[in-house]
């Protein structure tokens, strides 16, 4: 049983988080069904056109037919492939948005920092990046005095761009679990905004020094036309360490 559990945990880590949401699974199934219907309809239209024009251009049409339908021992339909590439993701996004709009309290994103899922570390520059912002034992650790940081404000951090499940007009809660080491004077701020060029729709928490016990910070976010969310774990230089254990985004 222990071995089977480890295999399941490994497969669970490999699966993109976006496909673990019930709404996403349903959205993918619906998108594939629509895509299958469109591809079959497209095949019938293509076959009809092929039968109409083949007598006029026998050599050319035969050549095109060979390319489209029999280039390999395994039959490959380029029409379906092109349809799949260009339509699947927009269909998924459309269906997922409609499903999420009717749902309450859906977990959109969760990260426990077991691996780096795409966080940009030390985004305002560091003289010692391995120290000032690092992943360590399933945590993000910030440890920076003023001399360690390049930015004139002596601030730094890590950010992540979330581009799945964020839609204009929907409300979200962004949260993180944070604590400090003993005698810490560093400041911490959870700061989120959309990803437009002028960074509209900013939602920051206030700067403060967390206690030594793990505590949860929650701030709200309202989806904008960028259909994306940038999460900042933002720190101000000082003594000690700031430790972030987990980040979550909920659709509310």
C-alpha atoms as a PDB file:
ATOM      1  CA  UNK A   1       0.000   0.000   0.000  1.00  0.00           C
ATOM      2  CA  UNK A   2       2.859   2.373   0.843  1.00  0.00           C
ATOM      3  CA  UNK A   3       4.448   1.856  -2.577  1.00  0.00           C
ATOM      4  CA  UNK A   4       1.126   2.428  -4.357  1.00  0.00           C
ATOM      5  CA  UNK A   5       0.555   5.609  -2.319  1.00  0.00           C
ATOM      6  CA  UNK A   6       3.977   6.937  -3.366  1.00  0.00           C
ATOM      7  CA  UNK A   7       3.200   6.238  -7.042  1.00  0.00           C
ATOM      8  CA  UNK A   8      -0.154   8.046  -6.758  1.00  0.00           C
ATOM      9  CA  UNK A   9       1.502  11.002  -4.999  1.00  0.00           C
ATOM     10  CA  UNK A  10       4.136  11.150  -7.758  1.00  0.00           C
ATOM     11  CA  UNK A  11       1.492  11.083 -10.510  1.00  0.00           C
ATOM     12  CA  UNK A  12      -0.481  13.733  -8.622  1.00  0.00           C
ATOM     13  CA  UNK A  13       2.581  16.004  -8.622  1.00  0.00           C
ATOM     14  CA  UNK A  14       3.038  15.512 -12.367  1.00  0.00           C
ATOM     15  CA  UNK A  15      -0.557  16.469 -13.158  1.00  0.00           C
ATOM     16  CA  UNK A  16      -0.911  20.231 -13.729  1.00  0.00           C
ATOM     17  CA  UNK A  17      -2.871  21.824 -10.903  1.00  0.00           C
ATOM     18  CA  UNK A  18      -5.324  23.377 -13.365  1.00  0.00           C
ATOM     19  CA  UNK A  19      -6.555  19.888 -14.296  1.00  0.00           C
ATOM     20  CA  UNK A  20      -7.251  18.959 -10.672  1.00  0.00           C
ATOM     21  CA  UNK A  21     -10.162  21.385 -10.347  1.00  0.00           C
ATOM     22  CA  UNK A  22     -13.549  19.671 -10.951  1.00  0.00           C
ATOM     23  CA  UNK A  23     -14.608  22.616 -13.123  1.00  0.00           C
ATOM     24  CA  UNK A  24     -11.478  22.242 -15.267  1.00  0.00           C
ATOM     25  CA  UNK A  25     -12.008  18.509 -15.797  1.00  0.00           C
ATOM     26  CA  UNK A  26     -15.612  19.134 -16.878  1.00  0.00           C
ATOM     27  CA  UNK A  27     -14.504  22.046 -19.089  1.00  0.00           C
ATOM     28  CA  UNK A  28     -11.885  19.880 -20.837  1.00  0.00           C
ATOM     29  CA  UNK A  29     -14.444  17.095 -21.479  1.00  0.00           C
ATOM     30  CA  UNK A  30     -16.999  19.541 -22.884  1.00  0.00           C
ATOM     31  CA  UNK A  31     -14.356  21.237 -25.039  1.00  0.00           C
ATOM     32  CA  UNK A  32     -13.219  17.884 -26.434  1.00  0.00           C
ATOM     33  CA  UNK A  33     -16.811  16.878 -27.213  1.00  0.00           C
ATOM     34  CA  UNK A  34     -17.421  20.152 -29.071  1.00  0.00           C
ATOM     35  CA  UNK A  35     -14.105  19.781 -30.857  1.00  0.00           C
ATOM     36  CA  UNK A  36     -14.964  16.218 -31.878  1.00  0.00           C
ATOM     37  CA  UNK A  37     -18.296  17.359 -33.309  1.00  0.00           C
ATOM     38  CA  UNK A  38     -16.633  20.203 -35.247  1.00  0.00           C
ATOM     39  CA  UNK A  39     -13.887  17.942 -36.566  1.00  0.00           C
ATOM     40  CA  UNK A  40     -16.426  15.387 -37.846  1.00  0.00           C
ATOM     41  CA  UNK A  41     -18.443  18.150 -39.477  1.00  0.00           C
ATOM     42  CA  UNK A  42     -15.255  19.531 -41.002  1.00  0.00           C
ATOM     43  CA  UNK A  43     -14.317  16.117 -42.378  1.00  0.00           C
ATOM     44  CA  UNK A  44     -17.697  15.761 -44.075  1.00  0.00           C
ATOM     45  CA  UNK A  45     -17.419  19.246 -45.595  1.00  0.00           C
ATOM     46  CA  UNK A  46     -13.880  18.500 -46.763  1.00  0.00           C
ATOM     47  CA  UNK A  47     -14.952  15.163 -48.272  1.00  0.00           C
ATOM     48  CA  UNK A  48     -17.810  16.912 -50.076  1.00  0.00           C
ATOM     49  CA  UNK A  49     -15.486  19.543 -51.538  1.00  0.00           C
ATOM     50  CA  UNK A  50     -13.017  16.832 -52.460  1.00  0.00           C
ATOM     51  CA  UNK A  51     -15.680  14.900 -54.403  1.00  0.00           C
ATOM     52  CA  UNK A  52     -16.757  18.067 -56.233  1.00  0.00           C
ATOM     53  CA  UNK A  53     -13.302  19.234 -57.315  1.00  0.00           C
ATOM     54  CA  UNK A  54     -11.528  15.921 -57.837  1.00  0.00           C
ATOM     55  CA  UNK A  55     -12.753  15.470 -61.432  1.00  0.00           C
ATOM     56  CA  UNK A  56     -11.429  18.924 -62.326  1.00  0.00           C
ATOM     57  CA  UNK A  57      -8.030  18.649 -60.685  1.00  0.00           C
ATOM     58  CA  UNK A  58      -7.285  14.939 -60.299  1.00  0.00           C
ATOM     59  CA  UNK A  59      -3.548  15.128 -59.794  1.00  0.00           C
ATOM     60  CA  UNK A  60      -3.556  18.137 -57.474  1.00  0.00           C
ATOM     61  CA  UNK A  61      -6.456  16.885 -55.377  1.00  0.00           C
ATOM     62  CA  UNK A  62      -4.959  13.421 -55.082  1.00  0.00           C
ATOM     63  CA  UNK A  63      -1.707  14.958 -53.898  1.00  0.00           C
ATOM     64  CA  UNK A  64      -3.491  17.121 -51.308  1.00  0.00           C
ATOM     65  CA  UNK A  65      -5.540  14.138 -50.190  1.00  0.00           C
ATOM     66  CA  UNK A  66      -2.372  12.106 -49.725  1.00  0.00           C
ATOM     67  CA  UNK A  67      -0.778  14.827 -47.596  1.00  0.00           C
ATOM     68  CA  UNK A  68      -3.851  15.418 -45.479  1.00  0.00           C
ATOM     69  CA  UNK A  69      -4.928  11.880 -44.820  1.00  0.00           C
ATOM     70  CA  UNK A  70      -2.152   9.334 -45.475  1.00  0.00           C
ATOM     71  CA  UNK A  71       1.336  10.736 -44.877  1.00  0.00           C
ATOM     72  CA  UNK A  72       2.249   8.097 -42.258  1.00  0.00           C
ATOM     73  CA  UNK A  73       1.378   4.461 -41.543  1.00  0.00           C
ATOM     74  CA  UNK A  74      -0.792   5.802 -38.718  1.00  0.00           C
ATOM     75  CA  UNK A  75      -3.492   7.948 -40.293  1.00  0.00           C
ATOM     76  CA  UNK A  76      -2.996  11.626 -39.479  1.00  0.00           C
ATOM     77  CA  UNK A  77      -5.725  14.164 -40.196  1.00  0.00           C
ATOM     78  CA  UNK A  78      -4.111  17.592 -40.420  1.00  0.00           C
ATOM     79  CA  UNK A  79      -7.496  19.243 -40.440  1.00  0.00           C
ATOM     80  CA  UNK A  80      -8.261  17.787 -37.004  1.00  0.00           C
ATOM     81  CA  UNK A  81      -4.786  18.646 -35.765  1.00  0.00           C
ATOM     82  CA  UNK A  82      -5.092  22.298 -36.795  1.00  0.00           C
ATOM     83  CA  UNK A  83      -8.594  22.459 -35.322  1.00  0.00           C
ATOM     84  CA  UNK A  84      -7.330  20.925 -32.093  1.00  0.00           C
ATOM     85  CA  UNK A  85      -4.435  23.395 -31.741  1.00  0.00           C
ATOM     86  CA  UNK A  86      -6.401  26.538 -32.495  1.00  0.00           C
ATOM     87  CA  UNK A  87      -9.772  25.758 -30.912  1.00  0.00           C
ATOM     88  CA  UNK A  88      -9.228  23.535 -27.881  1.00  0.00           C
ATOM     89  CA  UNK A  89      -7.750  26.143 -25.537  1.00  0.00           C
ATOM     90  CA  UNK A  90     -10.249  28.941 -26.410  1.00  0.00           C
ATOM     91  CA  UNK A  91     -13.109  26.447 -25.991  1.00  0.00           C
ATOM     92  CA  UNK A  92     -11.711  25.267 -22.668  1.00  0.00           C
ATOM     93  CA  UNK A  93     -11.310  28.864 -21.420  1.00  0.00           C
ATOM     94  CA  UNK A  94     -14.879  29.741 -22.461  1.00  0.00           C
ATOM     95  CA  UNK A  95     -16.460  26.695 -20.810  1.00  0.00           C
ATOM     96  CA  UNK A  96     -14.259  26.975 -17.700  1.00  0.00           C
ATOM     97  CA  UNK A  97     -15.259  30.630 -17.283  1.00  0.00           C
ATOM     98  CA  UNK A  98     -18.972  29.787 -17.508  1.00  0.00           C
ATOM     99  CA  UNK A  99     -18.625  26.969 -14.987  1.00  0.00           C
ATOM    100  CA  UNK A 100     -16.623  29.076 -12.531  1.00  0.00           C
ATOM    101  CA  UNK A 101     -19.110  31.943 -12.723  1.00  0.00           C
ATOM    102  CA  UNK A 102     -21.775  29.666 -11.227  1.00  0.00           C
ATOM    103  CA  UNK A 103     -19.487  28.081  -8.630  1.00  0.00           C
ATOM    104  CA  UNK A 104     -18.694  29.311  -5.115  1.00  0.00           C
ATOM    105  CA  UNK A 105     -15.427  28.912  -3.236  1.00  0.00           C
ATOM    106  CA  UNK A 106     -13.472  27.018  -5.876  1.00  0.00           C
ATOM    107  CA  UNK A 107      -9.759  26.417  -5.325  1.00  0.00           C
ATOM    108  CA  UNK A 108      -8.048  27.923  -8.382  1.00  0.00           C
ATOM    109  CA  UNK A 109      -4.396  27.587  -7.384  1.00  0.00           C
ATOM    110  CA  UNK A 110      -2.331  26.128  -4.566  1.00  0.00           C
ATOM    111  CA  UNK A 111       1.415  25.944  -4.069  1.00  0.00           C
ATOM    112  CA  UNK A 112       3.275  24.414  -1.145  1.00  0.00           C
ATOM    113  CA  UNK A 113       6.686  25.095  -2.737  1.00  0.00           C
ATOM    114  CA  UNK A 114       7.699  21.437  -2.996  1.00  0.00           C
ATOM    115  CA  UNK A 115       9.099  22.512  -6.388  1.00  0.00           C
ATOM    116  CA  UNK A 116       9.362  25.866  -8.156  1.00  0.00           C
ATOM    117  CA  UNK A 117       6.219  26.052 -10.286  1.00  0.00           C
ATOM    118  CA  UNK A 118       7.371  29.260 -11.939  1.00  0.00           C
ATOM    119  CA  UNK A 119       8.074  31.798  -9.212  1.00  0.00           C
ATOM    120  CA  UNK A 120      10.404  34.634 -10.222  1.00  0.00           C
ATOM    121  CA  UNK A 121      12.799  35.042  -7.294  1.00  0.00           C
ATOM    122  CA  UNK A 122      14.626  38.268  -6.331  1.00  0.00           C
ATOM    123  CA  UNK A 123      12.650  40.342  -8.836  1.00  0.00           C
ATOM    124  CA  UNK A 124      14.095  43.706  -7.747  1.00  0.00           C
ATOM    125  CA  UNK A 125      17.677  42.514  -7.584  1.00  0.00           C
ATOM    126  CA  UNK A 126      19.959  41.009  -4.970  1.00  0.00           C
ATOM    127  CA  UNK A 127      23.679  40.956  -4.207  1.00  0.00           C
ATOM    128  CA  UNK A 128      23.247  37.482  -2.754  1.00  0.00           C
ATOM    129  CA  UNK A 129      20.245  35.792  -4.424  1.00  0.00           C
ATOM    130  CA  UNK A 130      20.871  32.369  -2.867  1.00  0.00           C
ATOM    131  CA  UNK A 131      20.351  33.997   0.529  1.00  0.00           C
ATOM    132  CA  UNK A 132      17.765  36.739   0.049  1.00  0.00           C
ATOM    133  CA  UNK A 133      15.006  34.723  -1.650  1.00  0.00           C
ATOM    134  CA  UNK A 134      15.218  30.947  -1.902  1.00  0.00           C
ATOM    135  CA  UNK A 135      13.165  27.750  -1.973  1.00  0.00           C
ATOM    136  CA  UNK A 136      14.091  25.565   0.980  1.00  0.00           C
ATOM    137  CA  UNK A 137      12.331  22.488   2.449  1.00  0.00           C
ATOM    138  CA  UNK A 138       8.945  23.244   0.826  1.00  0.00           C
ATOM    139  CA  UNK A 139       9.042  26.914   1.838  1.00  0.00           C
ATOM    140  CA  UNK A 140      10.085  30.241   0.357  1.00  0.00           C
ATOM    141  CA  UNK A 141      12.584  31.874   2.702  1.00  0.00           C
ATOM    142  CA  UNK A 142      13.440  35.596   2.620  1.00  0.00           C
ATOM    143  CA  UNK A 143      16.558  36.704   4.480  1.00  0.00           C
ATOM    144  CA  UNK A 144      17.820  40.157   3.509  1.00  0.00           C
ATOM    145  CA  UNK A 145      19.491  43.081   5.227  1.00  0.00           C
ATOM    146  CA  UNK A 146      19.811  46.412   3.407  1.00  0.00           C
ATOM    147  CA  UNK A 147      23.324  45.659   2.090  1.00  0.00           C
ATOM    148  CA  UNK A 148      21.980  42.499   0.402  1.00  0.00           C
ATOM    149  CA  UNK A 149      19.477  44.304  -1.832  1.00  0.00           C
ATOM    150  CA  UNK A 150      20.023  46.370  -4.974  1.00  0.00           C
ATOM    151  CA  UNK A 151      16.753  48.325  -5.078  1.00  0.00           C
ATOM    152  CA  UNK A 152      16.984  51.785  -3.473  1.00  0.00           C
ATOM    153  CA  UNK A 153      13.832  51.061  -1.434  1.00  0.00           C
ATOM    154  CA  UNK A 154      15.578  47.977  -0.018  1.00  0.00           C
ATOM    155  CA  UNK A 155      12.660  45.774  -0.967  1.00  0.00           C
ATOM    156  CA  UNK A 156      12.579  42.456  -2.831  1.00  0.00           C
ATOM    157  CA  UNK A 157      10.533  39.312  -3.211  1.00  0.00           C
ATOM    158  CA  UNK A 158       9.087  36.600  -5.424  1.00  0.00           C
ATOM    159  CA  UNK A 159       6.171  36.753  -7.847  1.00  0.00           C
ATOM    160  CA  UNK A 160       4.043  34.268  -9.779  1.00  0.00           C
ATOM    161  CA  UNK A 161       1.764  34.886 -12.773  1.00  0.00           C
ATOM    162  CA  UNK A 162      -1.469  32.885 -12.592  1.00  0.00           C
ATOM    163  CA  UNK A 163      -3.165  32.674 -16.007  1.00  0.00           C
ATOM    164  CA  UNK A 164      -5.649  29.856 -15.488  1.00  0.00           C
ATOM    165  CA  UNK A 165      -9.048  30.286 -13.854  1.00  0.00           C
ATOM    166  CA  UNK A 166      -8.783  34.097 -13.583  1.00  0.00           C
ATOM    167  CA  UNK A 167     -11.551  35.900 -15.470  1.00  0.00           C
ATOM    168  CA  UNK A 168     -12.730  39.497 -15.752  1.00  0.00           C
ATOM    169  CA  UNK A 169     -15.625  40.279 -13.433  1.00  0.00           C
ATOM    170  CA  UNK A 170     -15.011  37.422 -10.978  1.00  0.00           C
ATOM    171  CA  UNK A 171     -13.912  37.867  -7.362  1.00  0.00           C
ATOM    172  CA  UNK A 172     -11.031  35.992  -5.765  1.00  0.00           C
ATOM    173  CA  UNK A 173      -9.297  35.550  -2.436  1.00  0.00           C
ATOM    174  CA  UNK A 174      -5.509  35.299  -2.390  1.00  0.00           C
ATOM    175  CA  UNK A 175      -3.932  33.943   0.770  1.00  0.00           C
ATOM    176  CA  UNK A 176      -0.583  32.856   2.120  1.00  0.00           C
ATOM    177  CA  UNK A 177       0.687  31.257   5.330  1.00  0.00           C
ATOM    178  CA  UNK A 178       3.663  33.170   6.728  1.00  0.00           C
ATOM    179  CA  UNK A 179       5.808  33.384   9.855  1.00  0.00           C
ATOM    180  CA  UNK A 180       9.113  34.878  10.939  1.00  0.00           C
ATOM    181  CA  UNK A 181      12.181  33.578  12.744  1.00  0.00           C
ATOM    182  CA  UNK A 182      13.034  34.920  16.218  1.00  0.00           C
ATOM    183  CA  UNK A 183      14.058  38.590  16.517  1.00  0.00           C
ATOM    184  CA  UNK A 184      13.074  39.360  12.924  1.00  0.00           C
ATOM    185  CA  UNK A 185      12.650  43.004  11.853  1.00  0.00           C
ATOM    186  CA  UNK A 186      12.004  42.352   8.140  1.00  0.00           C
ATOM    187  CA  UNK A 187       8.687  43.529   6.728  1.00  0.00           C
ATOM    188  CA  UNK A 188       6.308  41.390   4.678  1.00  0.00           C
ATOM    189  CA  UNK A 189       3.458  42.249   2.327  1.00  0.00           C
ATOM    190  CA  UNK A 190       1.131  40.121   0.200  1.00  0.00           C
ATOM    191  CA  UNK A 191       0.581  42.157  -2.946  1.00  0.00           C
ATOM    192  CA  UNK A 192      -1.450  41.165  -6.026  1.00  0.00           C
ATOM    193  CA  UNK A 193      -2.421  42.899  -9.258  1.00  0.00           C
ATOM    194  CA  UNK A 194      -3.374  42.080 -12.824  1.00  0.00           C
ATOM    195  CA  UNK A 195      -0.766  41.843 -15.580  1.00  0.00           C
ATOM    196  CA  UNK A 196      -1.583  44.877 -17.732  1.00  0.00           C
ATOM    197  CA  UNK A 197       1.212  47.280 -18.548  1.00  0.00           C
ATOM    198  CA  UNK A 198       0.157  49.910 -16.014  1.00  0.00           C
ATOM    199  CA  UNK A 199      -0.511  47.351 -13.274  1.00  0.00           C
ATOM    200  CA  UNK A 200      -4.089  48.445 -12.645  1.00  0.00           C
ATOM    201  CA  UNK A 201      -6.218  46.697 -10.012  1.00  0.00           C
ATOM    202  CA  UNK A 202      -3.594  46.604  -7.252  1.00  0.00           C
ATOM    203  CA  UNK A 203      -4.578  44.916  -3.997  1.00  0.00           C
ATOM    204  CA  UNK A 204      -1.792  45.064  -1.379  1.00  0.00           C
ATOM    205  CA  UNK A 205      -1.872  44.075   2.256  1.00  0.00           C
ATOM    206  CA  UNK A 206      -0.015  46.337   4.700  1.00  0.00           C
ATOM    207  CA  UNK A 207       3.675  45.851   5.524  1.00  0.00           C
ATOM    208  CA  UNK A 208       4.253  44.164   8.878  1.00  0.00           C
ATOM    209  CA  UNK A 209       6.523  41.667  10.640  1.00  0.00           C
ATOM    210  CA  UNK A 210       4.737  38.303  11.084  1.00  0.00           C
ATOM    211  CA  UNK A 211       4.852  36.496  14.410  1.00  0.00           C
ATOM    212  CA  UNK A 212       6.881  33.340  14.938  1.00  0.00           C
ATOM    213  CA  UNK A 213       3.700  31.253  14.650  1.00  0.00           C
ATOM    214  CA  UNK A 214       2.324  30.474  11.200  1.00  0.00           C
ATOM    215  CA  UNK A 215      -0.469  32.916  10.324  1.00  0.00           C
ATOM    216  CA  UNK A 216      -2.718  33.411   7.326  1.00  0.00           C
ATOM    217  CA  UNK A 217      -2.988  36.607   5.293  1.00  0.00           C
ATOM    218  CA  UNK A 218      -6.006  37.020   2.990  1.00  0.00           C
ATOM    219  CA  UNK A 219      -6.657  39.787   0.457  1.00  0.00           C
ATOM    220  CA  UNK A 220      -9.289  40.167  -2.243  1.00  0.00           C
ATOM    221  CA  UNK A 221      -8.864  40.555  -5.981  1.00  0.00           C
ATOM    222  CA  UNK A 222     -11.338  41.457  -8.724  1.00  0.00           C
ATOM    223  CA  UNK A 223     -10.556  39.975 -12.157  1.00  0.00           C
ATOM    224  CA  UNK A 224      -9.743  42.467 -14.922  1.00  0.00           C
ATOM    225  CA  UNK A 225      -9.512  42.209 -18.705  1.00  0.00           C
ATOM    226  CA  UNK A 226      -6.007  40.737 -18.469  1.00  0.00           C
ATOM    227  CA  UNK A 227      -7.579  37.437 -17.241  1.00  0.00           C
ATOM    228  CA  UNK A 228      -4.476  36.946 -15.122  1.00  0.00           C
ATOM    229  CA  UNK A 229      -3.185  37.593 -11.625  1.00  0.00           C
ATOM    230  CA  UNK A 230       0.336  38.357 -10.394  1.00  0.00           C
ATOM    231  CA  UNK A 231       1.033  37.299  -6.808  1.00  0.00           C
ATOM    232  CA  UNK A 232       3.861  39.111  -5.009  1.00  0.00           C
ATOM    233  CA  UNK A 233       5.423  37.836  -1.806  1.00  0.00           C
ATOM    234  CA  UNK A 234       7.060  41.169  -1.036  1.00  0.00           C
ATOM    235  CA  UNK A 235       9.608  41.909   1.697  1.00  0.00           C
ATOM    236  CA  UNK A 236      11.455  44.854   3.198  1.00  0.00           C
ATOM    237  CA  UNK A 237      15.058  44.409   4.356  1.00  0.00           C
ATOM    238  CA  UNK A 238      15.876  43.846   8.007  1.00  0.00           C
ATOM    239  CA  UNK A 239      17.231  41.271  10.404  1.00  0.00           C
ATOM    240  CA  UNK A 240      16.038  37.684  10.645  1.00  0.00           C
ATOM    241  CA  UNK A 241      13.921  35.633   8.222  1.00  0.00           C
ATOM    242  CA  UNK A 242      10.457  35.641   6.683  1.00  0.00           C
ATOM    243  CA  UNK A 243       9.104  32.167   5.808  1.00  0.00           C
ATOM    244  CA  UNK A 244       6.120  31.535   3.512  1.00  0.00           C
ATOM    245  CA  UNK A 245       4.690  28.016   3.672  1.00  0.00           C
ATOM    246  CA  UNK A 246       1.777  27.995   1.222  1.00  0.00           C
ATOM    247  CA  UNK A 247      -0.138  30.185  -1.245  1.00  0.00           C
ATOM    248  CA  UNK A 248      -3.733  29.702  -2.378  1.00  0.00           C
ATOM    249  CA  UNK A 249      -6.146  31.448  -4.729  1.00  0.00           C
ATOM    250  CA  UNK A 250      -9.891  30.866  -4.317  1.00  0.00           C
ATOM    251  CA  UNK A 251     -12.698  31.974  -6.599  1.00  0.00           C
ATOM    252  CA  UNK A 252     -15.424  33.394  -4.318  1.00  0.00           C
END
